[in-house]
Amino acid sequence: MPVTPAALNHAEDLADFVAASPSSYHAAEEVARRLEAEGFTRLNEDEAWPAQAGGRFVVVRDGAAIAWAVPAAASATTPVNVFGAHTDSPGFKLKPKPTTGAQGWLQAGVEVYGGPLLNSWLDRELTLAGRLVLDDGSVALASTGPLLRLPQLAIHLDRGANEHLALEKQAQTQPVWGLGTPADADLLGEVAAAAGVDASRIRGFDLVVADSARGAAFGAGDVFFASGRLDDLASVHAGTVALAAGAPAVVEGGASIALLAAFDHEELGSASRSGAAGPFLEDVLERVYAQLGAGIEERYRAFAASWCLSSDVGHSVHPNYAGKHDPNVRPVLGSGPILKINANQRYSTDAVGAAAWAGWCEAAGIASQEFVSNNDVPCGSTIGPITATRLGLRTVDVGIPILSMHSARELAGVSDLHDLSRVAGAFFSA
């Protein structure tokens, strides 16, 4: 099917979103910025929260953001529909004493974050981005723009490179960023200048490396979209767009609270104060329901009628490696979002959830596909089982199919990106 103008517009907006989100901290702030522009009120966790019924709110904790819209007629037992995603992506994180170098080159001392496809980071212009904590406790977000590069060794010096290229994570993944000697240079000074702060005031930092190239549609009929950090900013963006568009109707006459939960640290297992295994979502829900007059009994009743869509990317069938996929269940780009299924509960989908997903897709007017792993190639996991375990919400694992997962630049279908946001909208209004 031809790509619609609406889908292309959505992809262009996603390119803007990814460009504004080189780190999880930037992504959380971009979610808040966009929703505040749509009438959401930003709350602080250390302040009293206002009455919830009929309101739209967003709160940021480190690199995570949670936003929600509450029906005007909400009660203590009103259920919640949670669209869950994550803000972090695999790559590299800056180490302490980061200004290094050798042989007249300045380099950045980094360690591997999550499980990136290391070779994909070679020969790209890279950004250093994240947060700086200053001497007064304030936080400044920083993004240098193109600054670093991991130069590949020429084939003349490694004649076997095309047969097998394996990078040593310590010795061969330290990017260059200038010429000179470490004693006369300061990488944090470059970051501080980008943030407009005095480098001497920096007391702590969380900085990651990100591909600096902008996302773009391409291919015959513009069916493809390539970008860094589609895992999982594609889902964060889809949920943000859907919540912004659907919040007025939810407030006016919705039957459920519509909530977007964009967690950090999924690529590391989610075990942090801002990860899905941490207390962030539960903290927010307890405060929301307390404002609605809910005690323990009412909250359990509300949760029993609630849902969570855990949205993350999955694997499209690869035309050059078809044997790595299930021989019968083979999602492909451009044929719709995917329902993710795993017998060992690496994904949380069950029959009840599959039926509900079919209903939300039908309401949105979109097609859907299924994903299951080849038995010899076990799948990863998501925030879905974690959320289901923590809160007891019935959870369904979904997403979009992509190629080059965990590459510095991943590949999605333009129509799938738009369709995911459409079904998120149907879910929020269900």
Protein backbone atom coordinates (compact mmCIF):
# COMPACT_ATOMS: atom_id res chain seq x y z
CA MET A 1 0.00 0.00 0.00
CA PRO A 2 1.24 3.54 -0.70
CA VAL A 3 2.45 5.57 2.27
CA THR A 4 -0.09 8.24 3.21
CA PRO A 5 0.76 11.92 3.72
CA ALA A 6 -0.30 11.54 7.37
CA ALA A 7 2.20 8.71 7.84
CA LEU A 8 4.99 10.75 6.24
CA ASN A 9 4.15 13.71 8.46
CA HIS A 10 4.28 11.41 11.49
CA ALA A 11 7.72 10.13 10.40
CA GLU A 12 9.01 13.67 9.95
CA ASP A 13 7.77 14.55 13.43
CA LEU A 14 9.48 11.43 14.78
CA ALA A 15 12.72 12.64 13.16
CA ASP A 16 12.30 15.90 15.09
CA PHE A 17 11.60 13.97 18.30
CA VAL A 18 14.67 11.74 17.95
CA ALA A 19 16.89 14.71 17.08
CA ALA A 20 15.73 16.42 20.27
CA SER A 21 16.37 13.24 22.29
CA PRO A 22 20.04 12.20 22.10
CA SER A 23 19.83 10.85 25.66
CA SER A 24 17.10 9.48 27.91
CA TYR A 25 17.17 12.74 29.88
CA HIS A 26 16.51 14.74 26.73
CA ALA A 27 13.75 12.32 25.71
CA ALA A 28 11.93 12.69 29.04
CA GLU A 29 12.18 16.47 28.80
CA GLU A 30 10.95 16.43 25.20
CA VAL A 31 7.89 14.40 26.23
CA ALA A 32 7.15 16.95 28.96
CA ARG A 33 7.80 19.93 26.66
CA ARG A 34 5.45 18.65 23.98
CA LEU A 35 2.66 17.80 26.39
CA GLU A 36 2.96 21.08 28.27
CA ALA A 37 2.46 22.79 24.90
CA GLU A 38 -0.79 20.80 24.59
CA GLY A 39 -2.15 21.96 27.94
CA PHE A 40 -0.66 19.40 30.34
CA THR A 41 0.46 20.66 33.75
CA ARG A 42 3.97 19.68 34.82
CA LEU A 43 4.16 18.43 38.39
CA ASN A 44 7.12 18.08 40.74
CA GLU A 45 7.39 15.03 42.96
CA ASP A 46 8.45 17.07 46.00
CA GLU A 47 5.36 19.30 45.89
CA ALA A 48 1.69 18.71 46.64
CA TRP A 49 -0.32 17.58 43.63
CA PRO A 50 -3.64 19.20 42.66
CA ALA A 51 -7.01 17.49 42.34
CA GLN A 52 -6.79 14.96 39.54
CA ALA A 53 -10.29 14.60 38.07
CA GLY A 54 -10.52 16.43 34.76
CA GLY A 55 -6.80 17.20 34.66
CA ARG A 56 -3.83 16.49 32.38
CA PHE A 57 -0.43 16.11 34.00
CA VAL A 58 3.19 15.12 33.36
CA VAL A 59 6.07 14.40 35.74
CA VAL A 60 9.74 13.70 35.00
CA ARG A 61 12.02 11.55 37.14
CA ASP A 62 15.61 11.58 35.84
CA GLY A 63 15.41 10.05 32.34
CA ALA A 64 11.82 8.86 32.63
CA ALA A 65 8.51 10.64 32.13
CA ILE A 66 4.94 9.71 33.05
CA ALA A 67 1.97 11.66 31.71
CA TRP A 68 -1.75 11.10 32.18
CA ALA A 69 -5.22 12.47 31.51
CA VAL A 70 -8.01 11.91 34.05
CA PRO A 71 -11.71 11.89 33.10
CA ALA A 72 -13.74 14.67 34.71
CA ALA A 73 -16.08 12.01 36.08
CA ALA A 74 -13.28 9.75 37.41
CA SER A 75 -13.89 7.95 40.68
CA ALA A 76 -11.81 5.91 43.10
CA THR A 77 -12.34 2.78 40.98
CA THR A 78 -11.78 4.24 37.50
CA PRO A 79 -9.32 1.96 35.68
CA VAL A 80 -6.13 3.10 33.97
CA ASN A 81 -4.85 2.32 30.47
CA VAL A 82 -1.04 2.43 30.54
CA PHE A 83 0.99 2.72 27.34
CA GLY A 84 4.53 1.76 28.35
CA ALA A 85 7.82 2.34 26.52
CA HIS A 86 11.44 3.23 27.29
CA THR A 87 13.66 6.24 26.65
CA ASP A 88 17.14 4.67 26.64
CA SER A 89 18.97 2.99 23.75
CA PRO A 90 22.07 0.77 23.50
CA GLY A 91 25.37 2.52 22.92
CA PHE A 92 28.19 3.92 25.04
CA LYS A 93 28.37 5.90 28.26
CA LEU A 94 31.16 8.22 29.35
CA LYS A 95 33.46 6.96 32.10
CA PRO A 96 34.99 9.00 34.94
CA LYS A 97 38.19 10.78 33.87
CA PRO A 98 36.90 10.71 30.29
CA THR A 99 39.65 12.72 28.55
CA THR A 100 42.04 10.12 27.17
CA GLY A 101 44.15 9.70 24.07
CA ALA A 102 47.21 8.24 22.39
CA GLN A 103 49.58 8.87 19.49
CA GLY A 104 48.58 12.52 19.20
CA TRP A 105 44.84 11.79 19.20
CA LEU A 106 42.31 12.91 21.82
CA GLN A 107 39.86 10.17 22.75
CA ALA A 108 36.84 9.70 25.00
CA GLY A 109 36.88 7.03 27.68
CA VAL A 110 33.57 5.17 27.30
CA GLU A 111 32.04 1.92 28.43
CA VAL A 112 29.44 -0.15 26.62
CA TYR A 113 25.82 0.62 27.59
CA GLY A 114 23.44 -2.30 27.07
CA GLY A 115 23.90 -4.50 24.02
CA PRO A 116 24.74 -2.36 20.98
CA LEU A 117 25.68 -3.79 17.61
CA LEU A 118 29.24 -2.51 17.98
CA ASN A 119 30.30 -2.53 14.33
CA SER A 120 27.39 -0.26 13.39
CA TRP A 121 28.95 2.59 15.38
CA LEU A 122 32.05 2.74 13.21
CA ASP A 123 32.67 5.73 10.92
CA ARG A 124 29.74 7.86 12.08
CA GLU A 125 29.74 11.38 13.46
CA LEU A 126 28.61 11.03 17.06
CA THR A 127 27.12 13.32 19.68
CA LEU A 128 27.90 13.36 23.39
CA ALA A 129 24.74 14.13 25.35
CA GLY A 130 23.08 13.80 28.72
CA ARG A 131 22.93 15.67 32.02
CA LEU A 132 25.43 17.64 34.08
CA VAL A 133 24.91 18.12 37.81
CA LEU A 134 26.43 21.39 39.02
CA ASP A 135 27.88 22.51 42.35
CA ASP A 136 24.54 23.93 43.53
CA GLY A 137 22.67 20.69 42.74
CA SER A 138 21.03 22.05 39.61
CA VAL A 139 20.89 19.96 36.42
CA ALA A 140 21.82 21.13 32.93
CA LEU A 141 21.11 19.11 29.80
CA ALA A 142 23.92 19.07 27.26
CA SER A 143 24.33 17.95 23.66
CA THR A 144 27.52 18.68 21.76
CA GLY A 145 26.36 17.96 18.24
CA PRO A 146 28.79 16.00 16.03
CA LEU A 147 31.99 15.71 18.06
CA LEU A 148 33.23 12.12 18.15
CA ARG A 149 33.95 9.29 15.72
CA LEU A 150 34.99 5.65 15.95
CA PRO A 151 37.29 5.33 12.92
CA GLN A 152 37.55 1.88 11.40
CA LEU A 153 40.93 0.36 10.60
CA ALA A 154 41.63 0.47 6.86
CA ILE A 155 41.30 -2.84 5.04
CA HIS A 156 44.93 -2.52 3.92
CA LEU A 157 45.91 -3.01 7.58
CA ASP A 158 43.42 -5.81 8.25
CA ARG A 159 43.02 -7.94 5.15
CA GLY A 160 40.61 -10.27 6.94
CA ALA A 161 38.18 -7.56 8.01
CA ASN A 162 35.50 -8.64 5.54
CA GLU A 163 35.70 -12.21 6.80
CA HIS A 164 35.37 -11.39 10.48
CA LEU A 165 35.36 -8.05 12.27
CA ALA A 166 35.17 -8.21 16.06
CA LEU A 167 35.89 -5.17 18.19
CA GLU A 168 37.63 -5.37 21.54
CA LYS A 169 35.30 -3.42 23.81
CA GLN A 170 38.06 -1.74 25.82
CA ALA A 171 40.80 -1.15 23.28
CA GLN A 172 38.86 -0.52 20.07
CA THR A 173 35.70 1.39 21.02
CA GLN A 174 37.21 4.61 22.36
CA PRO A 175 36.16 7.39 19.93
CA VAL A 176 38.39 10.23 18.81
CA TRP A 177 37.31 13.85 19.27
CA GLY A 178 40.38 15.97 18.58
CA LEU A 179 44.14 16.19 18.23
CA GLY A 180 46.63 16.83 21.01
CA THR A 181 47.49 15.39 24.40
CA PRO A 182 45.03 14.62 27.22
CA ALA A 183 46.98 16.81 29.66
CA ASP A 184 46.15 19.85 27.54
CA ALA A 185 42.50 19.04 26.78
CA ASP A 186 39.19 18.68 28.61
CA LEU A 187 36.32 16.72 27.09
CA LEU A 188 33.94 17.85 29.82
CA GLY A 189 34.83 21.41 28.91
CA GLU A 190 33.45 20.75 25.42
CA VAL A 191 30.23 19.43 26.93
CA ALA A 192 29.99 22.33 29.39
CA ALA A 193 30.40 24.83 26.56
CA ALA A 194 27.56 23.16 24.66
CA ALA A 195 25.37 23.47 27.76
CA GLY A 196 26.42 27.05 28.44
CA VAL A 197 27.83 26.32 31.90
CA ASP A 198 31.22 26.68 33.58
CA ALA A 199 33.08 23.37 33.46
CA SER A 200 34.53 23.98 36.92
CA ARG A 201 31.03 23.73 38.37
CA ILE A 202 30.41 20.17 37.17
CA ARG A 203 30.15 17.74 40.10
CA GLY A 204 28.60 14.77 38.30
CA PHE A 205 27.54 13.68 34.83
CA ASP A 206 25.54 11.05 32.97
CA LEU A 207 26.61 11.35 29.34
CA VAL A 208 26.02 8.93 26.46
CA VAL A 209 27.14 8.72 22.85
CA ALA A 210 24.45 9.05 20.15
CA ASP A 211 24.39 9.00 16.36
CA SER A 212 24.09 12.61 15.17
CA ALA A 213 22.49 11.90 11.77
CA ARG A 214 18.84 12.91 11.37
CA GLY A 215 16.17 10.30 10.74
CA ALA A 216 14.78 10.16 7.20
CA ALA A 217 12.22 8.42 5.01
CA PHE A 218 13.57 6.76 1.85
CA GLY A 219 13.10 3.84 -0.53
CA ALA A 220 10.57 3.32 -3.30
CA GLY A 221 7.52 5.34 -2.31
CA ASP A 222 9.26 6.45 0.92
CA VAL A 223 8.24 3.21 2.63
CA PHE A 224 11.31 3.05 4.91
CA PHE A 225 12.42 5.20 7.82
CA ALA A 226 15.98 5.03 9.16
CA SER A 227 17.09 6.63 12.40
CA GLY A 228 19.08 6.14 15.52
CA ARG A 229 17.30 5.20 18.74
CA LEU A 230 14.10 3.84 17.19
CA ASP A 231 14.42 1.29 20.00
CA ASP A 232 12.46 2.65 21.72
CA LEU A 233 11.86 6.32 20.90
CA ALA A 234 9.50 5.19 18.14
CA SER A 235 7.13 3.96 20.88
CA VAL A 236 7.71 6.93 23.19
CA HIS A 237 6.87 9.27 20.32
CA ALA A 238 3.80 7.25 19.28
CA GLY A 239 2.44 7.33 22.83
CA THR A 240 3.17 11.04 23.25
CA VAL A 241 1.40 11.95 20.01
CA ALA A 242 -1.58 9.74 20.85
CA LEU A 243 -1.94 11.08 24.39
CA ALA A 244 -1.69 14.70 23.26
CA ALA A 245 -4.38 14.16 20.62
CA GLY A 246 -6.71 12.06 22.76
CA ALA A 247 -6.46 13.82 26.13
CA PRO A 248 -9.33 16.29 25.57
CA ALA A 249 -11.78 13.47 24.80
CA VAL A 250 -10.53 11.43 27.76
CA VAL A 251 -11.03 14.37 30.10
CA GLU A 252 -14.46 15.14 28.73
CA GLY A 253 -15.97 11.68 28.79
CA GLY A 254 -13.40 8.90 29.07
CA ALA A 255 -14.02 5.68 30.97
CA SER A 256 -10.36 5.17 31.92
CA ILE A 257 -7.36 7.23 32.93
CA ALA A 258 -5.02 7.44 29.89
CA LEU A 259 -1.37 7.17 30.97
CA LEU A 260 1.94 7.17 29.14
CA ALA A 261 4.89 5.65 31.03
CA ALA A 262 8.27 6.21 29.37
CA PHE A 263 10.84 4.45 31.56
CA ASP A 264 14.64 4.63 31.55
CA HIS A 265 17.22 1.81 31.77
CA GLU A 266 15.25 -0.89 29.93
CA GLU A 267 18.39 -1.84 28.03
CA LEU A 268 20.06 -2.64 31.38
CA GLY A 269 17.19 -4.64 32.89
CA SER A 270 15.03 -1.76 34.24
CA ALA A 271 16.30 -2.02 37.83
CA SER A 272 16.56 1.64 38.81
CA ARG A 273 14.44 4.38 40.41
CA SER A 274 13.40 5.49 36.93
CA GLY A 275 13.15 2.03 35.38
CA ALA A 276 10.10 -0.19 34.99
CA ALA A 277 11.32 -2.44 37.82
CA GLY A 278 11.51 0.58 40.10
CA PRO A 279 8.69 2.36 41.94
CA PHE A 280 8.04 5.30 39.58
CA LEU A 281 4.76 4.13 38.02
CA GLU A 282 3.44 2.79 41.31
CA ASP A 283 4.35 6.06 43.05
CA VAL A 284 2.44 8.08 40.47
CA LEU A 285 -0.61 5.82 40.52
CA GLU A 286 -0.79 5.85 44.31
CA ARG A 287 -0.81 9.65 44.34
CA VAL A 288 -3.36 9.88 41.52
CA TYR A 289 -5.75 7.44 43.17
CA ALA A 290 -5.29 9.02 46.58
CA GLN A 291 -6.51 12.28 45.06
CA LEU A 292 -9.51 10.37 43.71
CA GLY A 293 -10.33 9.11 47.20
CA ALA A 294 -9.17 5.55 46.68
CA GLY A 295 -8.13 3.27 49.50
CA ILE A 296 -6.45 -0.09 49.05
CA GLU A 297 -9.72 -1.84 48.19
CA GLU A 298 -10.70 0.70 45.52
CA ARG A 299 -7.22 0.74 44.00
CA TYR A 300 -7.18 -3.04 43.65
CA ARG A 301 -10.58 -2.89 41.96
CA ALA A 302 -9.32 -0.24 39.57
CA PHE A 303 -6.16 -2.19 38.73
CA ALA A 304 -8.18 -5.36 38.10
CA ALA A 305 -10.01 -3.55 35.28
CA SER A 306 -6.87 -1.84 33.92
CA TRP A 307 -4.55 -2.60 31.01
CA CYS A 308 -0.94 -2.01 30.03
CA LEU A 309 0.33 -1.97 26.45
CA SER A 310 4.08 -2.57 26.64
CA SER A 311 5.36 -1.15 23.36
CA ASP A 312 8.84 -1.96 22.10
CA VAL A 313 10.36 -2.88 18.77
CA GLY A 314 10.49 -6.44 17.44
CA HIS A 315 12.23 -8.19 14.57
CA SER A 316 11.00 -8.01 11.00
CA VAL A 317 11.91 -10.99 8.86
CA HIS A 318 15.32 -10.29 7.30
CA PRO A 319 15.56 -11.15 3.59
CA ASN A 320 19.23 -12.14 3.88
CA TYR A 321 18.88 -14.18 7.09
CA ALA A 322 15.45 -15.78 6.80
CA GLY A 323 16.62 -18.89 8.67
CA LYS A 324 16.98 -16.86 11.88
CA HIS A 325 13.20 -16.34 12.02
CA ASP A 326 10.25 -18.58 12.74
CA PRO A 327 9.41 -20.42 9.49
CA ASN A 328 5.71 -19.50 9.62
CA VAL A 329 5.29 -16.30 11.65
CA ARG A 330 7.23 -13.65 9.74
CA PRO A 331 6.28 -10.00 10.23
CA VAL A 332 7.56 -7.55 7.65
CA LEU A 333 7.93 -3.77 7.54
CA GLY A 334 4.86 -1.92 6.30
CA SER A 335 2.28 -4.55 7.22
CA GLY A 336 1.28 -3.16 10.61
CA PRO A 337 2.35 -3.17 14.27
CA ILE A 338 3.14 -6.49 15.90
CA LEU A 339 1.70 -8.51 18.77
CA LYS A 340 4.66 -10.11 20.57
CA ILE A 341 4.15 -13.64 21.91
CA ASN A 342 6.47 -15.95 23.86
CA ALA A 343 5.65 -19.24 25.59
CA ASN A 344 8.18 -18.55 28.36
CA GLN A 345 6.65 -15.18 29.27
CA ARG A 346 9.55 -13.13 27.98
CA TYR A 347 6.61 -11.22 26.55
CA SER A 348 3.49 -10.91 28.68
CA THR A 349 0.83 -11.42 25.98
CA ASP A 350 -1.83 -14.06 26.66
CA ALA A 351 -5.05 -15.01 24.86
CA VAL A 352 -7.11 -12.37 26.65
CA GLY A 353 -4.58 -9.71 25.75
CA ALA A 354 -4.40 -10.89 22.14
CA ALA A 355 -8.17 -10.54 21.84
CA ALA A 356 -8.09 -7.06 23.34
CA TRP A 357 -5.27 -6.01 20.99
CA ALA A 358 -7.31 -7.20 18.00
CA GLY A 359 -10.16 -5.03 19.19
CA TRP A 360 -8.01 -1.91 19.59
CA CYS A 361 -6.49 -2.45 16.13
CA GLU A 362 -9.95 -2.84 14.64
CA ALA A 363 -11.10 0.35 16.35
CA ALA A 364 -8.08 2.17 14.90
CA GLY A 365 -8.69 0.70 11.44
CA ILE A 366 -5.24 -0.87 11.14
CA ALA A 367 -3.81 -4.28 10.32
CA SER A 368 -1.67 -6.16 12.82
CA GLN A 369 0.97 -8.88 12.66
CA GLU A 370 2.28 -11.43 15.15
CA PHE A 371 5.85 -12.03 16.24
CA VAL A 372 7.28 -15.17 17.80
CA SER A 373 10.92 -16.24 17.94
CA ASN A 374 12.59 -19.13 16.20
CA ASN A 375 12.97 -21.86 18.85
CA ASP A 376 16.75 -21.87 18.30
CA VAL A 377 17.06 -18.08 18.64
CA PRO A 378 15.61 -17.03 22.04
CA CYS A 379 14.09 -13.56 22.27
CA GLY A 380 14.87 -10.76 24.69
CA SER A 381 12.33 -9.32 27.09
CA THR A 382 10.60 -6.00 27.73
CA ILE A 383 9.03 -3.85 30.42
CA GLY A 384 5.82 -5.87 29.94
CA PRO A 385 6.50 -8.80 32.30
CA ILE A 386 8.07 -6.39 34.80
CA THR A 387 4.99 -4.15 34.87
CA ALA A 388 2.65 -7.11 35.10
CA THR A 389 4.67 -8.51 38.01
CA ARG A 390 4.94 -5.23 39.92
CA LEU A 391 1.34 -4.03 39.60
CA GLY A 392 -0.74 -7.00 38.49
CA LEU A 393 -2.04 -5.11 35.46
CA ARG A 394 -3.05 -7.31 32.55
CA THR A 395 -0.28 -6.55 30.07
CA VAL A 396 0.10 -7.03 26.32
CA ASP A 397 3.46 -6.80 24.53
CA VAL A 398 3.31 -5.02 21.18
CA GLY A 399 5.44 -2.78 18.97
CA ILE A 400 6.64 -2.33 15.42
CA PRO A 401 8.85 -4.61 13.32
CA ILE A 402 12.30 -3.25 12.48
CA LEU A 403 15.59 -4.38 10.98
CA SER A 404 19.06 -3.69 12.44
CA MET A 405 17.84 -3.70 16.03
CA HIS A 406 20.46 -2.25 18.41
CA SER A 407 22.36 -0.76 15.49
CA ALA A 408 23.44 2.87 15.70
CA ARG A 409 20.84 3.42 12.94
CA GLU A 410 17.77 1.20 12.76
CA LEU A 411 15.20 0.62 9.99
CA ALA A 412 11.40 0.82 10.32
CA GLY A 413 8.38 1.08 8.06
CA VAL A 414 6.86 4.57 7.76
CA SER A 415 3.28 3.26 7.84
CA ASP A 416 3.95 1.07 10.90
CA LEU A 417 5.18 4.07 12.91
CA HIS A 418 1.96 5.96 12.21
CA ASP A 419 -0.25 2.91 12.78
CA LEU A 420 1.31 2.33 16.21
CA SER A 421 0.31 5.83 17.27
CA ARG A 422 -3.20 5.30 15.88
CA VAL A 423 -3.73 2.11 17.87
CA ALA A 424 -2.29 3.83 20.97
CA GLY A 425 -5.00 6.44 20.51
CA ALA A 426 -7.68 3.75 20.30
CA PHE A 427 -6.25 2.14 23.44
CA PHE A 428 -6.29 5.41 25.38
CA SER A 429 -9.93 6.02 24.46
CA ALA A 430 -11.08 2.42 25.04
